[in-house]
Amino acid sequence: MIAGDANLQADIFQGVKSEVDLQIDLEPNRWLSIREIADMYKRSCDDAIGKMAERRLLSPFGMTRADFLSRQNELSAEFVKDIAHELLNF
């Protein structure tokens, strides 16, 4: 499960741990299934990669992912197309 960028894996692990801790607090007598943990890992991975892409691709323009989505009509079509392509391929 741990391969590649150690910082990314640490971010993913923290996200999963937070979700697991919350579920344990809500239902301390219920065991989480492997499927539930895998889904948590996937969500945490997507979130961590999204934040990394935002830092590398959008923050140089002073934008967040939310800004990019909400301001697409104000931006040039070429810029939107290029950034969208970069985000999808990140």
PDB file of N, CA and C in Angstrom:
ATOM      1  N   MET A   1       0.818  -1.186   0.000  1.00  0.00           N
ATOM      2  CA  MET A   1       0.000   0.000   0.000  1.00  0.00           C
ATOM      3  C   MET A   1       0.867   1.257   0.000  1.00  0.00           C
ATOM      4  N   ILE A   2       2.086   1.190   0.471  1.00  0.00           N
ATOM      5  CA  ILE A   2       2.943   2.366   0.511  1.00  0.00           C
ATOM      6  C   ILE A   2       3.953   2.262  -0.629  1.00  0.00           C
ATOM      7  N   ALA A   3       3.770   3.112  -1.629  1.00  0.00           N
ATOM      8  CA  ALA A   3       4.704   3.164  -2.750  1.00  0.00           C
ATOM      9  C   ALA A   3       4.657   4.567  -3.324  1.00  0.00           C
ATOM     10  N   GLY A   4       5.748   5.009  -3.892  1.00  0.00           N
ATOM     11  CA  GLY A   4       5.765   6.314  -4.524  1.00  0.00           C
ATOM     12  C   GLY A   4       6.064   7.428  -3.543  1.00  0.00           C
ATOM     13  N   ASP A   5       5.441   8.557  -3.754  1.00  0.00           N
ATOM     14  CA  ASP A   5       5.659   9.777  -2.980  1.00  0.00           C
ATOM     15  C   ASP A   5       5.252   9.577  -1.520  1.00  0.00           C
ATOM     16  N   ALA A   6       6.216   9.638  -0.611  1.00  0.00           N
ATOM     17  CA  ALA A   6       5.945   9.401   0.815  1.00  0.00           C
ATOM     18  C   ALA A   6       5.026  10.470   1.397  1.00  0.00           C
ATOM     19  N   ASN A   7       5.164  11.718   0.960  1.00  0.00           N
ATOM     20  CA  ASN A   7       4.282  12.773   1.463  1.00  0.00           C
ATOM     21  C   ASN A   7       2.846  12.539   1.036  1.00  0.00           C
ATOM     22  N   LEU A   8       2.663  12.120  -0.199  1.00  0.00           N
ATOM     23  CA  LEU A   8       1.322  11.815  -0.684  1.00  0.00           C
ATOM     24  C   LEU A   8       0.727  10.664   0.124  1.00  0.00           C
ATOM     25  N   GLN A   9       1.517   9.620   0.343  1.00  0.00           N
ATOM     26  CA  GLN A   9       1.017   8.480   1.116  1.00  0.00           C
ATOM     27  C   GLN A   9       0.686   8.885   2.552  1.00  0.00           C
ATOM     28  N   ALA A  10       1.469   9.776   3.126  1.00  0.00           N
ATOM     29  CA  ALA A  10       1.193  10.256   4.486  1.00  0.00           C
ATOM     30  C   ALA A  10      -0.129  11.025   4.522  1.00  0.00           C
ATOM     31  N   ASP A  11      -0.369  11.858   3.507  1.00  0.00           N
ATOM     32  CA  ASP A  11      -1.636  12.598   3.425  1.00  0.00           C
ATOM     33  C   ASP A  11      -2.816  11.636   3.288  1.00  0.00           C
ATOM     34  N   ILE A  12      -2.647  10.628   2.446  1.00  0.00           N
ATOM     35  CA  ILE A  12      -3.707   9.645   2.244  1.00  0.00           C
ATOM     36  C   ILE A  12      -3.985   8.896   3.547  1.00  0.00           C
ATOM     37  N   PHE A  13      -2.926   8.470   4.213  1.00  0.00           N
ATOM     38  CA  PHE A  13      -3.077   7.745   5.475  1.00  0.00           C
ATOM     39  C   PHE A  13      -3.818   8.593   6.508  1.00  0.00           C
ATOM     40  N   GLN A  14      -3.459   9.873   6.615  1.00  0.00           N
ATOM     41  CA  GLN A  14      -4.128  10.753   7.582  1.00  0.00           C
ATOM     42  C   GLN A  14      -5.612  10.869   7.267  1.00  0.00           C
ATOM     43  N   GLY A  15      -5.953  10.959   5.994  1.00  0.00           N
ATOM     44  CA  GLY A  15      -7.361  11.025   5.606  1.00  0.00           C
ATOM     45  C   GLY A  15      -8.118   9.764   5.991  1.00  0.00           C
ATOM     46  N   VAL A  16      -7.509   8.607   5.737  1.00  0.00           N
ATOM     47  CA  VAL A  16      -8.141   7.333   6.092  1.00  0.00           C
ATOM     48  C   VAL A  16      -8.270   7.221   7.604  1.00  0.00           C
ATOM     49  N   LYS A  17      -7.216   7.570   8.315  1.00  0.00           N
ATOM     50  CA  LYS A  17      -7.246   7.487   9.778  1.00  0.00           C
ATOM     51  C   LYS A  17      -8.356   8.359  10.355  1.00  0.00           C
ATOM     52  N   SER A  18      -8.513   9.559   9.820  1.00  0.00           N
ATOM     53  CA  SER A  18      -9.573  10.451  10.300  1.00  0.00           C
ATOM     54  C   SER A  18     -10.953   9.834  10.094  1.00  0.00           C
ATOM     55  N   GLU A  19     -11.172   9.242   8.915  1.00  0.00           N
ATOM     56  CA  GLU A  19     -12.460   8.600   8.634  1.00  0.00           C
ATOM     57  C   GLU A  19     -12.683   7.393   9.538  1.00  0.00           C
ATOM     58  N   VAL A  20     -11.655   6.585   9.725  1.00  0.00           N
ATOM     59  CA  VAL A  20     -11.769   5.403  10.588  1.00  0.00           C
ATOM     60  C   VAL A  20     -12.082   5.844  12.014  1.00  0.00           C
ATOM     61  N   ASP A  21     -11.343   6.828  12.511  1.00  0.00           N
ATOM     62  CA  ASP A  21     -11.578   7.320  13.869  1.00  0.00           C
ATOM     63  C   ASP A  21     -13.007   7.822  14.042  1.00  0.00           C
ATOM     64  N   LEU A  22     -13.515   8.536  13.040  1.00  0.00           N
ATOM     65  CA  LEU A  22     -14.883   9.037  13.107  1.00  0.00           C
ATOM     66  C   LEU A  22     -15.886   7.887  13.162  1.00  0.00           C
ATOM     67  N   GLN A  23     -15.686   6.875  12.316  1.00  0.00           N
ATOM     68  CA  GLN A  23     -16.596   5.733  12.307  1.00  0.00           C
ATOM     69  C   GLN A  23     -16.554   4.980  13.638  1.00  0.00           C
ATOM     70  N   ILE A  24     -15.378   4.849  14.209  1.00  0.00           N
ATOM     71  CA  ILE A  24     -15.247   4.169  15.501  1.00  0.00           C
ATOM     72  C   ILE A  24     -15.959   4.977  16.591  1.00  0.00           C
ATOM     73  N   ASP A  25     -15.826   6.299  16.546  1.00  0.00           N
ATOM     74  CA  ASP A  25     -16.532   7.141  17.520  1.00  0.00           C
ATOM     75  C   ASP A  25     -18.041   7.012  17.383  1.00  0.00           C
ATOM     76  N   LEU A  26     -18.526   6.941  16.126  1.00  0.00           N
ATOM     77  CA  LEU A  26     -19.963   6.848  15.891  1.00  0.00           C
ATOM     78  C   LEU A  26     -20.531   5.471  16.235  1.00  0.00           C
ATOM     79  N   GLU A  27     -19.773   4.420  15.907  1.00  0.00           N
ATOM     80  CA  GLU A  27     -20.238   3.045  16.128  1.00  0.00           C
ATOM     81  C   GLU A  27     -19.087   2.198  16.676  1.00  0.00           C
ATOM     82  N   PRO A  28     -18.773   2.348  17.976  1.00  0.00           N
ATOM     83  CA  PRO A  28     -17.591   1.681  18.529  1.00  0.00           C
ATOM     84  C   PRO A  28     -17.659   0.154  18.543  1.00  0.00           C
ATOM     85  N   ASN A  29     -18.834  -0.422  18.434  1.00  0.00           N
ATOM     86  CA  ASN A  29     -18.962  -1.881  18.492  1.00  0.00           C
ATOM     87  C   ASN A  29     -19.058  -2.543  17.120  1.00  0.00           C
ATOM     88  N   ARG A  30     -18.974  -1.751  16.063  1.00  0.00           N
ATOM     89  CA  ARG A  30     -19.091  -2.309  14.717  1.00  0.00           C
ATOM     90  C   ARG A  30     -17.723  -2.359  14.048  1.00  0.00           C
ATOM     91  N   TRP A  31     -17.407  -3.510  13.480  1.00  0.00           N
ATOM     92  CA  TRP A  31     -16.159  -3.675  12.727  1.00  0.00           C
ATOM     93  C   TRP A  31     -16.340  -3.113  11.331  1.00  0.00           C
ATOM     94  N   LEU A  32     -15.337  -2.391  10.858  1.00  0.00           N
ATOM     95  CA  LEU A  32     -15.364  -1.882   9.492  1.00  0.00           C
ATOM     96  C   LEU A  32     -14.926  -2.988   8.543  1.00  0.00           C
ATOM     97  N   SER A  33     -15.587  -3.043   7.395  1.00  0.00           N
ATOM     98  CA  SER A  33     -15.214  -4.055   6.404  1.00  0.00           C
ATOM     99  C   SER A  33     -14.008  -3.584   5.607  1.00  0.00           C
ATOM    100  N   ILE A  34     -13.353  -4.524   4.977  1.00  0.00           N
ATOM    101  CA  ILE A  34     -12.223  -4.184   4.106  1.00  0.00           C
ATOM    102  C   ILE A  34     -12.705  -3.276   2.977  1.00  0.00           C
ATOM    103  N   ARG A  35     -13.904  -3.532   2.484  1.00  0.00           N
ATOM    104  CA  ARG A  35     -14.477  -2.703   1.417  1.00  0.00           C
ATOM    105  C   ARG A  35     -14.625  -1.250   1.881  1.00  0.00           C
ATOM    106  N   GLU A  36     -15.104  -1.065   3.112  1.00  0.00           N
ATOM    107  CA  GLU A  36     -15.259   0.283   3.643  1.00  0.00           C
ATOM    108  C   GLU A  36     -13.906   0.990   3.754  1.00  0.00           C
ATOM    109  N   ILE A  37     -12.912   0.271   4.232  1.00  0.00           N
ATOM    110  CA  ILE A  37     -11.571   0.850   4.353  1.00  0.00           C
ATOM    111  C   ILE A  37     -11.007   1.177   2.970  1.00  0.00           C
ATOM    112  N   ALA A  38     -11.217   0.280   2.013  1.00  0.00           N
ATOM    113  CA  ALA A  38     -10.743   0.525   0.644  1.00  0.00           C
ATOM    114  C   ALA A  38     -11.425   1.755   0.052  1.00  0.00           C
ATOM    115  N   ASP A  39     -12.724   1.908   0.307  1.00  0.00           N
ATOM    116  CA  ASP A  39     -13.437   3.098  -0.177  1.00  0.00           C
ATOM    117  C   ASP A  39     -12.893   4.362   0.477  1.00  0.00           C
ATOM    118  N   MET A  40     -12.586   4.280   1.764  1.00  0.00           N
ATOM    119  CA  MET A  40     -11.991   5.424   2.461  1.00  0.00           C
ATOM    120  C   MET A  40     -10.636   5.771   1.845  1.00  0.00           C
ATOM    121  N   TYR A  41      -9.841   4.747   1.544  1.00  0.00           N
ATOM    122  CA  TYR A  41      -8.533   4.955   0.924  1.00  0.00           C
ATOM    123  C   TYR A  41      -8.698   5.650  -0.425  1.00  0.00           C
ATOM    124  N   LYS A  42      -9.651   5.200  -1.217  1.00  0.00           N
ATOM    125  CA  LYS A  42      -9.892   5.784  -2.542  1.00  0.00           C
ATOM    126  C   LYS A  42     -10.291   7.251  -2.419  1.00  0.00           C
ATOM    127  N   ARG A  43     -11.228   7.547  -1.511  1.00  0.00           N
ATOM    128  CA  ARG A  43     -11.642   8.943  -1.315  1.00  0.00           C
ATOM    129  C   ARG A  43     -10.469   9.804  -0.852  1.00  0.00           C
ATOM    130  N   SER A  44      -9.698   9.295   0.078  1.00  0.00           N
ATOM    131  CA  SER A  44      -8.562  10.035   0.601  1.00  0.00           C
ATOM    132  C   SER A  44      -7.501  10.243  -0.471  1.00  0.00           C
ATOM    133  N   CYS A  45      -7.277   9.234  -1.283  1.00  0.00           N
ATOM    134  CA  CYS A  45      -6.320   9.319  -2.386  1.00  0.00           C
ATOM    135  C   CYS A  45      -6.766  10.380  -3.395  1.00  0.00           C
ATOM    136  N   ASP A  46      -8.034  10.336  -3.784  1.00  0.00           N
ATOM    137  CA  ASP A  46      -8.558  11.321  -4.733  1.00  0.00           C
ATOM    138  C   ASP A  46      -8.427  12.733  -4.176  1.00  0.00           C
ATOM    139  N   ASP A  47      -8.737  12.895  -2.892  1.00  0.00           N
ATOM    140  CA  ASP A  47      -8.650  14.212  -2.260  1.00  0.00           C
ATOM    141  C   ASP A  47      -7.195  14.699  -2.211  1.00  0.00           C
ATOM    142  N   ALA A  48      -6.284  13.830  -1.809  1.00  0.00           N
ATOM    143  CA  ALA A  48      -4.873  14.212  -1.715  1.00  0.00           C
ATOM    144  C   ALA A  48      -4.305  14.577  -3.088  1.00  0.00           C
ATOM    145  N   ILE A  49      -4.630  13.797  -4.099  1.00  0.00           N
ATOM    146  CA  ILE A  49      -4.139  14.089  -5.456  1.00  0.00           C
ATOM    147  C   ILE A  49      -4.763  15.379  -5.975  1.00  0.00           C
ATOM    148  N   GLY A  50      -6.042  15.582  -5.684  1.00  0.00           N
ATOM    149  CA  GLY A  50      -6.709  16.820  -6.091  1.00  0.00           C
ATOM    150  C   GLY A  50      -6.057  18.043  -5.463  1.00  0.00           C
ATOM    151  N   LYS A  51      -5.721  17.950  -4.179  1.00  0.00           N
ATOM    152  CA  LYS A  51      -5.057  19.066  -3.501  1.00  0.00           C
ATOM    153  C   LYS A  51      -3.670  19.313  -4.083  1.00  0.00           C
ATOM    154  N   MET A  52      -2.957  18.234  -4.401  1.00  0.00           N
ATOM    155  CA  MET A  52      -1.629  18.376  -4.987  1.00  0.00           C
ATOM    156  C   MET A  52      -1.725  19.029  -6.372  1.00  0.00           C
ATOM    157  N   ALA A  53      -2.677  18.589  -7.166  1.00  0.00           N
ATOM    158  CA  ALA A  53      -2.872  19.175  -8.495  1.00  0.00           C
ATOM    159  C   ALA A  53      -3.238  20.650  -8.376  1.00  0.00           C
ATOM    160  N   GLU A  54      -4.077  20.968  -7.404  1.00  0.00           N
ATOM    161  CA  GLU A  54      -4.457  22.357  -7.175  1.00  0.00           C
ATOM    162  C   GLU A  54      -3.232  23.205  -6.850  1.00  0.00           C
ATOM    163  N   ARG A  55      -2.381  22.701  -5.953  1.00  0.00           N
ATOM    164  CA  ARG A  55      -1.168  23.452  -5.580  1.00  0.00           C
ATOM    165  C   ARG A  55      -0.248  23.660  -6.781  1.00  0.00           C
ATOM    166  N   ARG A  56      -0.071  22.628  -7.579  1.00  0.00           N
ATOM    167  CA  ARG A  56       0.890  22.716  -8.687  1.00  0.00           C
ATOM    168  C   ARG A  56       0.355  23.437  -9.913  1.00  0.00           C
ATOM    169  N   LEU A  57      -0.943  23.257 -10.205  1.00  0.00           N
ATOM    170  CA  LEU A  57      -1.477  23.776 -11.461  1.00  0.00           C
ATOM    171  C   LEU A  57      -2.311  25.044 -11.329  1.00  0.00           C
ATOM    172  N   LEU A  58      -3.001  25.206 -10.227  1.00  0.00           N
ATOM    173  CA  LEU A  58      -3.913  26.343 -10.098  1.00  0.00           C
ATOM    174  C   LEU A  58      -3.394  27.452  -9.190  1.00  0.00           C
ATOM    175  N   SER A  59      -2.693  27.078  -8.122  1.00  0.00           N
ATOM    176  CA  SER A  59      -2.241  28.115  -7.184  1.00  0.00           C
ATOM    177  C   SER A  59      -1.297  29.135  -7.815  1.00  0.00           C
ATOM    178  N   PRO A  60      -0.488  28.776  -8.832  1.00  0.00           N
ATOM    179  CA  PRO A  60       0.320  29.823  -9.473  1.00  0.00           C
ATOM    180  C   PRO A  60      -0.534  30.934 -10.100  1.00  0.00           C
ATOM    181  N   PHE A  61      -1.798  30.622 -10.380  1.00  0.00           N
ATOM    182  CA  PHE A  61      -2.720  31.616 -10.939  1.00  0.00           C
ATOM    183  C   PHE A  61      -3.623  32.210  -9.859  1.00  0.00           C
ATOM    184  N   GLY A  62      -3.332  31.876  -8.589  1.00  0.00           N
ATOM    185  CA  GLY A  62      -4.130  32.387  -7.476  1.00  0.00           C
ATOM    186  C   GLY A  62      -5.518  31.774  -7.405  1.00  0.00           C
ATOM    187  N   MET A  63      -5.630  30.528  -7.882  1.00  0.00           N
ATOM    188  CA  MET A  63      -6.938  29.879  -7.928  1.00  0.00           C
ATOM    189  C   MET A  63      -6.948  28.565  -7.154  1.00  0.00           C
ATOM    190  N   THR A  64      -8.148  28.215  -6.707  1.00  0.00           N
ATOM    191  CA  THR A  64      -8.404  26.901  -6.127  1.00  0.00           C
ATOM    192  C   THR A  64      -9.209  26.106  -7.133  1.00  0.00           C
ATOM    193  N   ARG A  65      -9.473  24.836  -6.813  1.00  0.00           N
ATOM    194  CA  ARG A  65     -10.325  24.032  -7.702  1.00  0.00           C
ATOM    195  C   ARG A  65     -11.708  24.650  -7.808  1.00  0.00           C
ATOM    196  N   ALA A  66     -12.234  25.130  -6.683  1.00  0.00           N
ATOM    197  CA  ALA A  66     -13.562  25.759  -6.688  1.00  0.00           C
ATOM    198  C   ALA A  66     -13.555  27.019  -7.553  1.00  0.00           C
ATOM    199  N   ASP A  67     -12.486  27.816  -7.443  1.00  0.00           N
ATOM    200  CA  ASP A  67     -12.368  29.016  -8.278  1.00  0.00           C
ATOM    201  C   ASP A  67     -12.359  28.643  -9.752  1.00  0.00           C
ATOM    202  N   PHE A  68     -11.570  27.640 -10.093  1.00  0.00           N
ATOM    203  CA  PHE A  68     -11.466  27.230 -11.496  1.00  0.00           C
ATOM    204  C   PHE A  68     -12.834  26.832 -12.047  1.00  0.00           C
ATOM    205  N   LEU A  69     -13.581  26.060 -11.266  1.00  0.00           N
ATOM    206  CA  LEU A  69     -14.897  25.622 -11.722  1.00  0.00           C
ATOM    207  C   LEU A  69     -15.875  26.787 -11.831  1.00  0.00           C
ATOM    208  N   SER A  70     -15.868  27.664 -10.855  1.00  0.00           N
ATOM    209  CA  SER A  70     -16.854  28.748 -10.855  1.00  0.00           C
ATOM    210  C   SER A  70     -16.511  29.883 -11.826  1.00  0.00           C
ATOM    211  N   ARG A  71     -15.238  30.026 -12.176  1.00  0.00           N
ATOM    212  CA  ARG A  71     -14.812  31.149 -13.021  1.00  0.00           C
ATOM    213  C   ARG A  71     -14.541  30.771 -14.474  1.00  0.00           C
ATOM    214  N   GLN A  72     -14.906  29.581 -14.880  1.00  0.00           N
ATOM    215  CA  GLN A  72     -14.593  29.146 -16.241  1.00  0.00           C
ATOM    216  C   GLN A  72     -15.149  30.076 -17.305  1.00  0.00           C
ATOM    217  N   ASN A  73     -16.319  30.666 -17.059  1.00  0.00           N
ATOM    218  CA  ASN A  73     -16.907  31.574 -18.053  1.00  0.00           C
ATOM    219  C   ASN A  73     -16.114  32.870 -18.199  1.00  0.00           C
ATOM    220  N   GLU A  74     -15.350  33.230 -17.165  1.00  0.00           N
ATOM    221  CA  GLU A  74     -14.556  34.457 -17.201  1.00  0.00           C
ATOM    222  C   GLU A  74     -13.188  34.239 -17.851  1.00  0.00           C
ATOM    223  N   LEU A  75     -12.756  33.013 -17.937  1.00  0.00           N
ATOM    224  CA  LEU A  75     -11.411  32.687 -18.417  1.00  0.00           C
ATOM    225  C   LEU A  75     -11.443  32.360 -19.902  1.00  0.00           C
ATOM    226  N   SER A  76     -10.310  32.478 -20.545  1.00  0.00           N
ATOM    227  CA  SER A  76     -10.255  32.157 -21.972  1.00  0.00           C
ATOM    228  C   SER A  76     -10.500  30.656 -22.167  1.00  0.00           C
ATOM    229  N   ALA A  77     -11.144  30.333 -23.257  1.00  0.00           N
ATOM    230  CA  ALA A  77     -11.459  28.934 -23.551  1.00  0.00           C
ATOM    231  C   ALA A  77     -10.190  28.100 -23.655  1.00  0.00           C
ATOM    232  N   GLU A  78      -9.141  28.658 -24.218  1.00  0.00           N
ATOM    233  CA  GLU A  78      -7.881  27.928 -24.361  1.00  0.00           C
ATOM    234  C   GLU A  78      -7.260  27.626 -22.994  1.00  0.00           C
ATOM    235  N   PHE A  79      -7.285  28.614 -22.092  1.00  0.00           N
ATOM    236  CA  PHE A  79      -6.749  28.422 -20.745  1.00  0.00           C
ATOM    237  C   PHE A  79      -7.533  27.318 -20.020  1.00  0.00           C
ATOM    238  N   VAL A  80      -8.853  27.394 -20.078  1.00  0.00           N
ATOM    239  CA  VAL A  80      -9.699  26.395 -19.423  1.00  0.00           C
ATOM    240  C   VAL A  80      -9.413  25.007 -19.980  1.00  0.00           C
ATOM    241  N   LYS A  81      -9.320  24.913 -21.295  1.00  0.00           N
ATOM    242  CA  LYS A  81      -9.053  23.630 -21.934  1.00  0.00           C
ATOM    243  C   LYS A  81      -7.692  23.083 -21.514  1.00  0.00           C
ATOM    244  N   ASP A  82      -6.677  23.934 -21.512  1.00  0.00           N
ATOM    245  CA  ASP A  82      -5.324  23.493 -21.143  1.00  0.00           C
ATOM    246  C   ASP A  82      -5.254  23.050 -19.682  1.00  0.00           C
ATOM    247  N   ILE A  83      -5.826  23.845 -18.787  1.00  0.00           N
ATOM    248  CA  ILE A  83      -5.784  23.501 -17.363  1.00  0.00           C
ATOM    249  C   ILE A  83      -6.622  22.252 -17.094  1.00  0.00           C
ATOM    250  N   ALA A  84      -7.781  22.158 -17.711  1.00  0.00           N
ATOM    251  CA  ALA A  84      -8.616  20.964 -17.526  1.00  0.00           C
ATOM    252  C   ALA A  84      -7.868  19.714 -17.978  1.00  0.00           C
ATOM    253  N   HIS A  85      -7.172  19.819 -19.090  1.00  0.00           N
ATOM    254  CA  HIS A  85      -6.376  18.697 -19.590  1.00  0.00           C
ATOM    255  C   HIS A  85      -5.280  18.332 -18.586  1.00  0.00           C
ATOM    256  N   GLU A  86      -4.588  19.337 -18.072  1.00  0.00           N
ATOM    257  CA  GLU A  86      -3.523  19.094 -17.087  1.00  0.00           C
ATOM    258  C   GLU A  86      -4.087  18.463 -15.814  1.00  0.00           C
ATOM    259  N   LEU A  87      -5.246  18.955 -15.353  1.00  0.00           N
ATOM    260  CA  LEU A  87      -5.849  18.393 -14.138  1.00  0.00           C
ATOM    261  C   LEU A  87      -6.251  16.945 -14.341  1.00  0.00           C
ATOM    262  N   LEU A  88      -6.831  16.644 -15.487  1.00  0.00           N
ATOM    263  CA  LEU A  88      -7.265  15.262 -15.762  1.00  0.00           C
ATOM    264  C   LEU A  88      -6.090  14.307 -15.885  1.00  0.00           C
ATOM    265  N   ASN A  89      -4.968  14.806 -16.355  1.00  0.00           N
ATOM    266  CA  ASN A  89      -3.808  13.949 -16.560  1.00  0.00           C
ATOM    267  C   ASN A  89      -2.797  14.010 -15.416  1.00  0.00           C
ATOM    268  N   PHE A  90      -3.122  14.713 -14.350  1.00  0.00           N
ATOM    269  CA  PHE A  90      -2.196  14.875 -13.230  1.00  0.00           C
ATOM    270  C   PHE A  90      -1.942  13.548 -12.560  1.00  0.00           C
TER     271      PHE A  90
END
